[in-house]
Each structure stands twice: as structure tokens, then as C-alpha cells.
Amino acid sequence: MVQNRKIERKCVDFPGNIFKPQAIPLSKLENINLTKEELTAVYYSDYLGLRQTEAAQKMEISQASFSRDLAVAHKKIASALFEVKALFFTNEPLEDK
């Protein structure tokens, strides 16, 4: 049986809420929403260089959940970079799926 995802996770607060290509009006860009969980996963793994097990412990989630968040975040960031889209950072918690 699949367990429900934990709704409240420990996440890092980030300043700002958007990242977009320079010199292109926001109204002309497609938007991609990055959740605070996904952004926190990138912060711990890529910016701080923590191992997935260490980062998952900091977020108080399983390593598998952390790995899924990180993979989704990487996919969204790559899409924004290579397809010239804007990244929005949402502070809304994940909904139970």
C-alpha cells in the first residue's frame, strides 16, 4: 500500500519569488512553478552539496521523497533554461496526493 505524502515538510525560506530571462517581458514567457520543497531539495543537494540522506533528514522526509522532489526540480529548471521560461517559486505546501 502506498503511503500518503507528508504535507508539512521543513523547508528553507528563500528571498524572491521569480527567476526569468533578461530582456524578455514576463507577459511573453511561459511560467513554471517550483514548490518550496523542490527548491529546498536543490538548495541542500546542489548548493550545499549534502548527500540525499542528510538532506532528507534535514527536511524530515524519506530519502525516496527527497529524491523525487530533486528529480522534479531538476526537470523543471532544465525546462526553464532550455525552453526560455520563467520560474516561479511558490510557498504553498504540497497537497496530499
PDB file of N, CA and C in Angstrom:
ATOM      1  N   MET A   1       0.839  -1.170   0.000  1.00  0.00           N
ATOM      2  CA  MET A   1       0.000   0.000   0.000  1.00  0.00           C
ATOM      3  C   MET A   1       0.890   1.242   0.000  1.00  0.00           C
ATOM      4  N   VAL A   2       0.545   2.227  -0.825  1.00  0.00           N
ATOM      5  CA  VAL A   2       1.312   3.453  -0.939  1.00  0.00           C
ATOM      6  C   VAL A   2       0.893   4.402   0.181  1.00  0.00           C
ATOM      7  N   GLN A   3       1.889   4.991   0.838  1.00  0.00           N
ATOM      8  CA  GLN A   3       1.606   5.943   1.901  1.00  0.00           C
ATOM      9  C   GLN A   3       1.359   7.327   1.317  1.00  0.00           C
ATOM     10  N   ASN A   4       0.523   8.096   1.993  1.00  0.00           N
ATOM     11  CA  ASN A   4       0.309   9.474   1.587  1.00  0.00           C
ATOM     12  C   ASN A   4       1.563  10.285   1.881  1.00  0.00           C
ATOM     13  N   ARG A   5       1.806  11.290   1.048  1.00  0.00           N
ATOM     14  CA  ARG A   5       2.958  12.154   1.271  1.00  0.00           C
ATOM     15  C   ARG A   5       2.703  13.044   2.472  1.00  0.00           C
ATOM     16  N   LYS A   6       3.732  13.289   3.231  1.00  0.00           N
ATOM     17  CA  LYS A   6       3.643  14.175   4.384  1.00  0.00           C
ATOM     18  C   LYS A   6       3.444  15.605   3.865  1.00  0.00           C
ATOM     19  N   ILE A   7       2.424  16.275   4.360  1.00  0.00           N
ATOM     20  CA  ILE A   7       2.100  17.596   3.835  1.00  0.00           C
ATOM     21  C   ILE A   7       3.088  18.651   4.316  1.00  0.00           C
ATOM     22  N   GLU A   8       3.352  18.727   5.597  1.00  0.00           N
ATOM     23  CA  GLU A   8       4.273  19.727   6.128  1.00  0.00           C
ATOM     24  C   GLU A   8       5.696  19.182   6.169  1.00  0.00           C
ATOM     25  N   ARG A   9       6.580  19.863   5.495  1.00  0.00           N
ATOM     26  CA  ARG A   9       7.988  19.486   5.483  1.00  0.00           C
ATOM     27  C   ARG A   9       8.794  20.680   5.948  1.00  0.00           C
ATOM     28  N   LYS A  10       9.971  20.411   6.468  1.00  0.00           N
ATOM     29  CA  LYS A  10      10.862  21.512   6.855  1.00  0.00           C
ATOM     30  C   LYS A  10      11.536  22.033   5.597  1.00  0.00           C
ATOM     31  N   CYS A  11      11.275  23.284   5.285  1.00  0.00           N
ATOM     32  CA  CYS A  11      11.842  23.896   4.089  1.00  0.00           C
ATOM     33  C   CYS A  11      12.561  25.182   4.452  1.00  0.00           C
ATOM     34  N   VAL A  12      13.446  25.585   3.588  1.00  0.00           N
ATOM     35  CA  VAL A  12      14.215  26.807   3.765  1.00  0.00           C
ATOM     36  C   VAL A  12      13.439  27.956   3.118  1.00  0.00           C
ATOM     37  N   ASP A  13      13.424  29.115   3.759  1.00  0.00           N
ATOM     38  CA  ASP A  13      12.795  30.296   3.172  1.00  0.00           C
ATOM     39  C   ASP A  13      13.777  30.963   2.212  1.00  0.00           C
ATOM     40  N   PHE A  14      13.256  31.372   1.073  1.00  0.00           N
ATOM     41  CA  PHE A  14      14.091  31.997   0.060  1.00  0.00           C
ATOM     42  C   PHE A  14      13.586  33.392  -0.249  1.00  0.00           C
ATOM     43  N   PRO A  15      14.499  34.338  -0.452  1.00  0.00           N
ATOM     44  CA  PRO A  15      14.064  35.671  -0.870  1.00  0.00           C
ATOM     45  C   PRO A  15      13.657  35.620  -2.343  1.00  0.00           C
ATOM     46  N   GLY A  16      12.740  36.454  -2.709  1.00  0.00           N
ATOM     47  CA  GLY A  16      12.328  36.496  -4.111  1.00  0.00           C
ATOM     48  C   GLY A  16      11.310  35.428  -4.423  1.00  0.00           C
ATOM     49  N   ASN A  17      10.705  35.574  -5.587  1.00  0.00           N
ATOM     50  CA  ASN A  17       9.701  34.589  -5.980  1.00  0.00           C
ATOM     51  C   ASN A  17       9.689  34.297  -7.473  1.00  0.00           C
ATOM     52  N   ILE A  18      10.625  34.881  -8.215  1.00  0.00           N
ATOM     53  CA  ILE A  18      10.642  34.638  -9.652  1.00  0.00           C
ATOM     54  C   ILE A  18      12.073  34.726 -10.194  1.00  0.00           C
ATOM     55  N   PHE A  19      12.338  33.928 -11.215  1.00  0.00           N
ATOM     56  CA  PHE A  19      13.602  33.986 -11.941  1.00  0.00           C
ATOM     57  C   PHE A  19      13.235  33.894 -13.408  1.00  0.00           C
ATOM     58  N   LYS A  20      13.665  34.882 -14.208  1.00  0.00           N
ATOM     59  CA  LYS A  20      13.289  34.898 -15.619  1.00  0.00           C
ATOM     60  C   LYS A  20      14.446  35.364 -16.478  1.00  0.00           C
ATOM     61  N   PRO A  21      14.384  35.039 -17.779  1.00  0.00           N
ATOM     62  CA  PRO A  21      15.418  35.515 -18.691  1.00  0.00           C
ATOM     63  C   PRO A  21      15.392  37.041 -18.778  1.00  0.00           C
ATOM     64  N   GLN A  22      16.557  37.620 -18.943  1.00  0.00           N
ATOM     65  CA  GLN A  22      16.690  39.070 -19.045  1.00  0.00           C
ATOM     66  C   GLN A  22      16.153  39.550 -20.388  1.00  0.00           C
ATOM     67  N   ALA A  23      15.582  40.746 -20.403  1.00  0.00           N
ATOM     68  CA  ALA A  23      15.152  41.448 -21.614  1.00  0.00           C
ATOM     69  C   ALA A  23      13.951  40.809 -22.320  1.00  0.00           C
ATOM     70  N   ILE A  24      13.275  39.884 -21.665  1.00  0.00           N
ATOM     71  CA  ILE A  24      12.048  39.320 -22.227  1.00  0.00           C
ATOM     72  C   ILE A  24      10.927  39.637 -21.238  1.00  0.00           C
ATOM     73  N   PRO A  25       9.886  40.338 -21.687  1.00  0.00           N
ATOM     74  CA  PRO A  25       8.798  40.669 -20.766  1.00  0.00           C
ATOM     75  C   PRO A  25       8.150  39.406 -20.191  1.00  0.00           C
ATOM     76  N   LEU A  26       7.816  39.477 -18.935  1.00  0.00           N
ATOM     77  CA  LEU A  26       7.202  38.337 -18.256  1.00  0.00           C
ATOM     78  C   LEU A  26       5.913  37.892 -18.952  1.00  0.00           C
ATOM     79  N   SER A  27       5.195  38.844 -19.516  1.00  0.00           N
ATOM     80  CA  SER A  27       3.930  38.522 -20.188  1.00  0.00           C
ATOM     81  C   SER A  27       4.131  37.642 -21.426  1.00  0.00           C
ATOM     82  N   LYS A  28       5.341  37.602 -21.948  1.00  0.00           N
ATOM     83  CA  LYS A  28       5.627  36.787 -23.140  1.00  0.00           C
ATOM     84  C   LYS A  28       6.232  35.425 -22.807  1.00  0.00           C
ATOM     85  N   LEU A  29       6.414  35.157 -21.509  1.00  0.00           N
ATOM     86  CA  LEU A  29       7.050  33.906 -21.096  1.00  0.00           C
ATOM     87  C   LEU A  29       6.039  32.923 -20.523  1.00  0.00           C
ATOM     88  N   GLU A  30       6.274  31.663 -20.796  1.00  0.00           N
ATOM     89  CA  GLU A  30       5.516  30.606 -20.127  1.00  0.00           C
ATOM     90  C   GLU A  30       6.107  30.451 -18.721  1.00  0.00           C
ATOM     91  N   ASN A  31       5.255  30.137 -17.765  1.00  0.00           N
ATOM     92  CA  ASN A  31       5.695  30.032 -16.373  1.00  0.00           C
ATOM     93  C   ASN A  31       5.772  28.585 -15.919  1.00  0.00           C
ATOM     94  N   ILE A  32       6.754  28.311 -15.071  1.00  0.00           N
ATOM     95  CA  ILE A  32       6.895  27.017 -14.421  1.00  0.00           C
ATOM     96  C   ILE A  32       6.923  27.275 -12.918  1.00  0.00           C
ATOM     97  N   ASN A  33       6.097  26.573 -12.173  1.00  0.00           N
ATOM     98  CA  ASN A  33       6.064  26.730 -10.718  1.00  0.00           C
ATOM     99  C   ASN A  33       6.950  25.696 -10.047  1.00  0.00           C
ATOM    100  N   LEU A  34       7.844  26.175  -9.224  1.00  0.00           N
ATOM    101  CA  LEU A  34       8.734  25.325  -8.436  1.00  0.00           C
ATOM    102  C   LEU A  34       8.268  25.430  -6.983  1.00  0.00           C
ATOM    103  N   THR A  35       7.917  24.301  -6.368  1.00  0.00           N
ATOM    104  CA  THR A  35       7.424  24.334  -4.994  1.00  0.00           C
ATOM    105  C   THR A  35       8.574  24.594  -4.029  1.00  0.00           C
ATOM    106  N   LYS A  36       8.217  24.999  -2.810  1.00  0.00           N
ATOM    107  CA  LYS A  36       9.266  25.254  -1.823  1.00  0.00           C
ATOM    108  C   LYS A  36      10.006  23.968  -1.476  1.00  0.00           C
ATOM    109  N   GLU A  37       9.344  22.822  -1.554  1.00  0.00           N
ATOM    110  CA  GLU A  37      10.008  21.543  -1.296  1.00  0.00           C
ATOM    111  C   GLU A  37      11.046  21.239  -2.376  1.00  0.00           C
ATOM    112  N   GLU A  38      10.668  21.481  -3.631  1.00  0.00           N
ATOM    113  CA  GLU A  38      11.589  21.235  -4.740  1.00  0.00           C
ATOM    114  C   GLU A  38      12.790  22.179  -4.673  1.00  0.00           C
ATOM    115  N   LEU A  39      12.534  23.440  -4.375  1.00  0.00           N
ATOM    116  CA  LEU A  39      13.624  24.409  -4.277  1.00  0.00           C
ATOM    117  C   LEU A  39      14.541  24.097  -3.097  1.00  0.00           C
ATOM    118  N   THR A  40      13.968  23.648  -1.997  1.00  0.00           N
ATOM    119  CA  THR A  40      14.771  23.264  -0.838  1.00  0.00           C
ATOM    120  C   THR A  40      15.645  22.056  -1.173  1.00  0.00           C
ATOM    121  N   ALA A  41      15.101  21.102  -1.926  1.00  0.00           N
ATOM    122  CA  ALA A  41      15.885  19.929  -2.333  1.00  0.00           C
ATOM    123  C   ALA A  41      17.094  20.348  -3.170  1.00  0.00           C
ATOM    124  N   VAL A  42      16.892  21.272  -4.098  1.00  0.00           N
ATOM    125  CA  VAL A  42      18.003  21.770  -4.925  1.00  0.00           C
ATOM    126  C   VAL A  42      19.019  22.508  -4.055  1.00  0.00           C
ATOM    127  N   TYR A  43      18.543  23.291  -3.118  1.00  0.00           N
ATOM    128  CA  TYR A  43      19.422  24.044  -2.217  1.00  0.00           C
ATOM    129  C   TYR A  43      20.330  23.102  -1.430  1.00  0.00           C
ATOM    130  N   TYR A  44      19.732  22.097  -0.799  1.00  0.00           N
ATOM    131  CA  TYR A  44      20.531  21.170   0.016  1.00  0.00           C
ATOM    132  C   TYR A  44      21.468  20.322  -0.835  1.00  0.00           C
ATOM    133  N   SER A  45      20.975  19.801  -1.939  1.00  0.00           N
ATOM    134  CA  SER A  45      21.766  18.881  -2.746  1.00  0.00           C
ATOM    135  C   SER A  45      22.811  19.588  -3.603  1.00  0.00           C
ATOM    136  N   ASP A  46      22.372  20.563  -4.383  1.00  0.00           N
ATOM    137  CA  ASP A  46      23.265  21.184  -5.359  1.00  0.00           C
ATOM    138  C   ASP A  46      24.051  22.367  -4.800  1.00  0.00           C
ATOM    139  N   TYR A  47      23.408  23.185  -3.981  1.00  0.00           N
ATOM    140  CA  TYR A  47      24.097  24.370  -3.457  1.00  0.00           C
ATOM    141  C   TYR A  47      24.986  24.029  -2.260  1.00  0.00           C
ATOM    142  N   LEU A  48      24.433  23.301  -1.295  1.00  0.00           N
ATOM    143  CA  LEU A  48      25.219  22.941  -0.106  1.00  0.00           C
ATOM    144  C   LEU A  48      26.022  21.658  -0.288  1.00  0.00           C
ATOM    145  N   GLY A  49      25.663  20.856  -1.275  1.00  0.00           N
ATOM    146  CA  GLY A  49      26.399  19.620  -1.552  1.00  0.00           C
ATOM    147  C   GLY A  49      26.148  18.496  -0.562  1.00  0.00           C
ATOM    148  N   LEU A  50      24.998  18.512   0.096  1.00  0.00           N
ATOM    149  CA  LEU A  50      24.684  17.439   1.039  1.00  0.00           C
ATOM    150  C   LEU A  50      24.292  16.169   0.301  1.00  0.00           C
ATOM    151  N   ARG A  51      24.554  15.044   0.918  1.00  0.00           N
ATOM    152  CA  ARG A  51      24.082  13.771   0.374  1.00  0.00           C
ATOM    153  C   ARG A  51      22.566  13.722   0.552  1.00  0.00           C
ATOM    154  N   GLN A  52      21.914  12.924  -0.293  1.00  0.00           N
ATOM    155  CA  GLN A  52      20.456  12.863  -0.241  1.00  0.00           C
ATOM    156  C   GLN A  52      19.943  12.413   1.120  1.00  0.00           C
ATOM    157  N   THR A  53      20.641  11.487   1.753  1.00  0.00           N
ATOM    158  CA  THR A  53      20.182  11.012   3.064  1.00  0.00           C
ATOM    159  C   THR A  53      20.265  12.122   4.104  1.00  0.00           C
ATOM    160  N   GLU A  54      21.341  12.917   4.061  1.00  0.00           N
ATOM    161  CA  GLU A  54      21.494  14.029   5.003  1.00  0.00           C
ATOM    162  C   GLU A  54      20.428  15.105   4.756  1.00  0.00           C
ATOM    163  N   ALA A  55      20.226  15.431   3.499  1.00  0.00           N
ATOM    164  CA  ALA A  55      19.246  16.462   3.150  1.00  0.00           C
ATOM    165  C   ALA A  55      17.832  16.016   3.513  1.00  0.00           C
ATOM    166  N   ALA A  56      17.529  14.761   3.278  1.00  0.00           N
ATOM    167  CA  ALA A  56      16.202  14.234   3.622  1.00  0.00           C
ATOM    168  C   ALA A  56      15.964  14.313   5.124  1.00  0.00           C
ATOM    169  N   GLN A  57      16.990  14.050   5.911  1.00  0.00           N
ATOM    170  CA  GLN A  57      16.866  14.156   7.367  1.00  0.00           C
ATOM    171  C   GLN A  57      16.579  15.597   7.778  1.00  0.00           C
ATOM    172  N   LYS A  58      17.240  16.560   7.139  1.00  0.00           N
ATOM    173  CA  LYS A  58      17.005  17.968   7.454  1.00  0.00           C
ATOM    174  C   LYS A  58      15.565  18.375   7.124  1.00  0.00           C
ATOM    175  N   MET A  59      15.012  17.809   6.048  1.00  0.00           N
ATOM    176  CA  MET A  59      13.641  18.127   5.653  1.00  0.00           C
ATOM    177  C   MET A  59      12.616  17.257   6.391  1.00  0.00           C
ATOM    178  N   GLU A  60      13.113  16.283   7.138  1.00  0.00           N
ATOM    179  CA  GLU A  60      12.267  15.336   7.880  1.00  0.00           C
ATOM    180  C   GLU A  60      11.340  14.548   6.953  1.00  0.00           C
ATOM    181  N   ILE A  61      11.938  14.049   5.864  1.00  0.00           N
ATOM    182  CA  ILE A  61      11.220  13.201   4.911  1.00  0.00           C
ATOM    183  C   ILE A  61      12.098  12.001   4.572  1.00  0.00           C
ATOM    184  N   SER A  62      11.540  11.056   3.839  1.00  0.00           N
ATOM    185  CA  SER A  62      12.324   9.890   3.438  1.00  0.00           C
ATOM    186  C   SER A  62      13.282  10.267   2.313  1.00  0.00           C
ATOM    187  N   GLN A  63      14.306   9.462   2.149  1.00  0.00           N
ATOM    188  CA  GLN A  63      15.273   9.693   1.072  1.00  0.00           C
ATOM    189  C   GLN A  63      14.580   9.548  -0.281  1.00  0.00           C
ATOM    190  N   ALA A  64      13.630   8.635  -0.393  1.00  0.00           N
ATOM    191  CA  ALA A  64      12.908   8.439  -1.656  1.00  0.00           C
ATOM    192  C   ALA A  64      12.093   9.680  -2.019  1.00  0.00           C
ATOM    193  N   SER A  65      11.428  10.276  -1.032  1.00  0.00           N
ATOM    194  CA  SER A  65      10.657  11.504  -1.277  1.00  0.00           C
ATOM    195  C   SER A  65      11.583  12.642  -1.687  1.00  0.00           C
ATOM    196  N   PHE A  66      12.721  12.746  -1.009  1.00  0.00           N
ATOM    197  CA  PHE A  66      13.698  13.778  -1.352  1.00  0.00           C
ATOM    198  C   PHE A  66      14.175  13.593  -2.788  1.00  0.00           C
ATOM    199  N   SER A  67      14.480  12.369  -3.147  1.00  0.00           N
ATOM    200  CA  SER A  67      14.960  12.065  -4.493  1.00  0.00           C
ATOM    201  C   SER A  67      13.925  12.440  -5.554  1.00  0.00           C
ATOM    202  N   ARG A  68      12.659  12.157  -5.273  1.00  0.00           N
ATOM    203  CA  ARG A  68      11.587  12.532  -6.212  1.00  0.00           C
ATOM    204  C   ARG A  68      11.490  14.048  -6.352  1.00  0.00           C
ATOM    205  N   ASP A  69      11.520  14.769  -5.226  1.00  0.00           N
ATOM    206  CA  ASP A  69      11.461  16.234  -5.278  1.00  0.00           C
ATOM    207  C   ASP A  69      12.628  16.801  -6.081  1.00  0.00           C
ATOM    208  N   LEU A  70      13.809  16.262  -5.859  1.00  0.00           N
ATOM    209  CA  LEU A  70      15.000  16.740  -6.552  1.00  0.00           C
ATOM    210  C   LEU A  70      14.912  16.475  -8.056  1.00  0.00           C
ATOM    211  N   ALA A  71      14.453  15.301  -8.427  1.00  0.00           N
ATOM    212  CA  ALA A  71      14.327  14.954  -9.853  1.00  0.00           C
ATOM    213  C   ALA A  71      13.311  15.864 -10.549  1.00  0.00           C
ATOM    214  N   VAL A  72      12.192  16.122  -9.896  1.00  0.00           N
ATOM    215  CA  VAL A  72      11.174  17.008 -10.474  1.00  0.00           C
ATOM    216  C   VAL A  72      11.734  18.423 -10.611  1.00  0.00           C
ATOM    217  N   ALA A  73      12.442  18.896  -9.589  1.00  0.00           N
ATOM    218  CA  ALA A  73      13.029  20.238  -9.626  1.00  0.00           C
ATOM    219  C   ALA A  73      14.047  20.365 -10.759  1.00  0.00           C
ATOM    220  N   HIS A  74      14.904  19.377 -10.903  1.00  0.00           N
ATOM    221  CA  HIS A  74      15.894  19.410 -11.984  1.00  0.00           C
ATOM    222  C   HIS A  74      15.221  19.471 -13.349  1.00  0.00           C
ATOM    223  N   LYS A  75      14.164  18.703 -13.530  1.00  0.00           N
ATOM    224  CA  LYS A  75      13.430  18.684 -14.802  1.00  0.00           C
ATOM    225  C   LYS A  75      12.826  20.065 -15.087  1.00  0.00           C
ATOM    226  N   LYS A  76      12.220  20.678 -14.062  1.00  0.00           N
ATOM    227  CA  LYS A  76      11.604  21.993 -14.237  1.00  0.00           C
ATOM    228  C   LYS A  76      12.655  23.064 -14.535  1.00  0.00           C
ATOM    229  N   ILE A  77      13.771  23.030 -13.833  1.00  0.00           N
ATOM    230  CA  ILE A  77      14.826  24.028 -14.038  1.00  0.00           C
ATOM    231  C   ILE A  77      15.426  23.878 -15.436  1.00  0.00           C
ATOM    232  N   ALA A  78      15.670  22.662 -15.867  1.00  0.00           N
ATOM    233  CA  ALA A  78      16.206  22.428 -17.215  1.00  0.00           C
ATOM    234  C   ALA A  78      15.225  22.926 -18.274  1.00  0.00           C
ATOM    235  N   SER A  79      13.952  22.678 -18.055  1.00  0.00           N
ATOM    236  CA  SER A  79      12.935  23.147 -18.989  1.00  0.00           C
ATOM    237  C   SER A  79      12.939  24.673 -19.072  1.00  0.00           C
ATOM    238  N   ALA A  80      13.038  25.334 -17.925  1.00  0.00           N
ATOM    239  CA  ALA A  80      13.067  26.801 -17.911  1.00  0.00           C
ATOM    240  C   ALA A  80      14.297  27.341 -18.642  1.00  0.00           C
ATOM    241  N   LEU A  81      15.438  26.715 -18.449  1.00  0.00           N
ATOM    242  CA  LEU A  81      16.669  27.187 -19.081  1.00  0.00           C
ATOM    243  C   LEU A  81      16.683  26.956 -20.587  1.00  0.00           C
ATOM    244  N   PHE A  82      16.313  25.776 -21.013  1.00  0.00           N
ATOM    245  CA  PHE A  82      16.455  25.426 -22.423  1.00  0.00           C
ATOM    246  C   PHE A  82      15.244  25.772 -23.278  1.00  0.00           C
ATOM    247  N   GLU A  83      14.105  26.020 -22.643  1.00  0.00           N
ATOM    248  CA  GLU A  83      12.903  26.401 -23.390  1.00  0.00           C
ATOM    249  C   GLU A  83      12.524  27.860 -23.116  1.00  0.00           C
ATOM    250  N   VAL A  84      13.404  28.606 -22.455  1.00  0.00           N
ATOM    251  CA  VAL A  84      13.253  30.024 -22.150  1.00  0.00           C
ATOM    252  C   VAL A  84      11.897  30.306 -21.498  1.00  0.00           C
ATOM    253  N   LYS A  85      11.784  29.872 -20.235  1.00  0.00           N
ATOM    254  CA  LYS A  85      10.569  30.067 -19.454  1.00  0.00           C
ATOM    255  C   LYS A  85      10.937  30.749 -18.136  1.00  0.00           C
ATOM    256  N   ALA A  86       9.923  31.270 -17.462  1.00  0.00           N
ATOM    257  CA  ALA A  86      10.125  31.894 -16.158  1.00  0.00           C
ATOM    258  C   ALA A  86       9.870  30.873 -15.062  1.00  0.00           C
ATOM    259  N   LEU A  87      10.679  30.917 -14.005  1.00  0.00           N
ATOM    260  CA  LEU A  87      10.489  30.050 -12.837  1.00  0.00           C
ATOM    261  C   LEU A  87       9.848  30.862 -11.721  1.00  0.00           C
ATOM    262  N   PHE A  88       8.737  30.373 -11.211  1.00  0.00           N
ATOM    263  CA  PHE A  88       8.084  30.978 -10.058  1.00  0.00           C
ATOM    264  C   PHE A  88       8.284  30.065  -8.865  1.00  0.00           C
ATOM    265  N   PHE A  89       8.593  30.640  -7.720  1.00  0.00           N
ATOM    266  CA  PHE A  89       8.797  29.881  -6.502  1.00  0.00           C
ATOM    267  C   PHE A  89       7.567  30.059  -5.631  1.00  0.00           C
ATOM    268  N   THR A  90       6.844  28.987  -5.403  1.00  0.00           N
ATOM    269  CA  THR A  90       5.630  29.059  -4.597  1.00  0.00           C
ATOM    270  C   THR A  90       5.935  28.664  -3.169  1.00  0.00           C
ATOM    271  N   ASN A  91       5.252  29.282  -2.236  1.00  0.00           N
ATOM    272  CA  ASN A  91       5.414  28.957  -0.834  1.00  0.00           C
ATOM    273  C   ASN A  91       4.301  28.061  -0.321  1.00  0.00           C
ATOM    274  N   GLU A  92       3.475  27.584  -1.227  1.00  0.00           N
ATOM    275  CA  GLU A  92       2.378  26.711  -0.818  1.00  0.00           C
ATOM    276  C   GLU A  92       2.928  25.303  -0.559  1.00  0.00           C
ATOM    277  N   PRO A  93       2.478  24.650   0.505  1.00  0.00           N
ATOM    278  CA  PRO A  93       2.927  23.284   0.774  1.00  0.00           C
ATOM    279  C   PRO A  93       2.358  22.314  -0.253  1.00  0.00           C
ATOM    280  N   LEU A  94       3.008  21.171  -0.386  1.00  0.00           N
ATOM    281  CA  LEU A  94       2.499  20.136  -1.280  1.00  0.00           C
ATOM    282  C   LEU A  94       1.134  19.683  -0.810  1.00  0.00           C
ATOM    283  N   GLU A  95       0.260  19.406  -1.746  1.00  0.00           N
ATOM    284  CA  GLU A  95      -1.043  18.876  -1.380  1.00  0.00           C
ATOM    285  C   GLU A  95      -0.937  17.368  -1.301  1.00  0.00           C
ATOM    286  N   ASP A  96      -1.727  16.792  -0.442  1.00  0.00           N
ATOM    287  CA  ASP A  96      -1.748  15.346  -0.273  1.00  0.00           C
ATOM    288  C   ASP A  96      -2.268  14.711  -1.541  1.00  0.00           C
ATOM    289  N   LYS A  97      -1.503  13.781  -2.108  1.00  0.00           N
ATOM    290  CA  LYS A  97      -1.913  13.121  -3.356  1.00  0.00           C
ATOM    291  C   LYS A  97      -2.260  11.692  -3.107  1.00  0.00           C
TER     292      LYS A  97
END
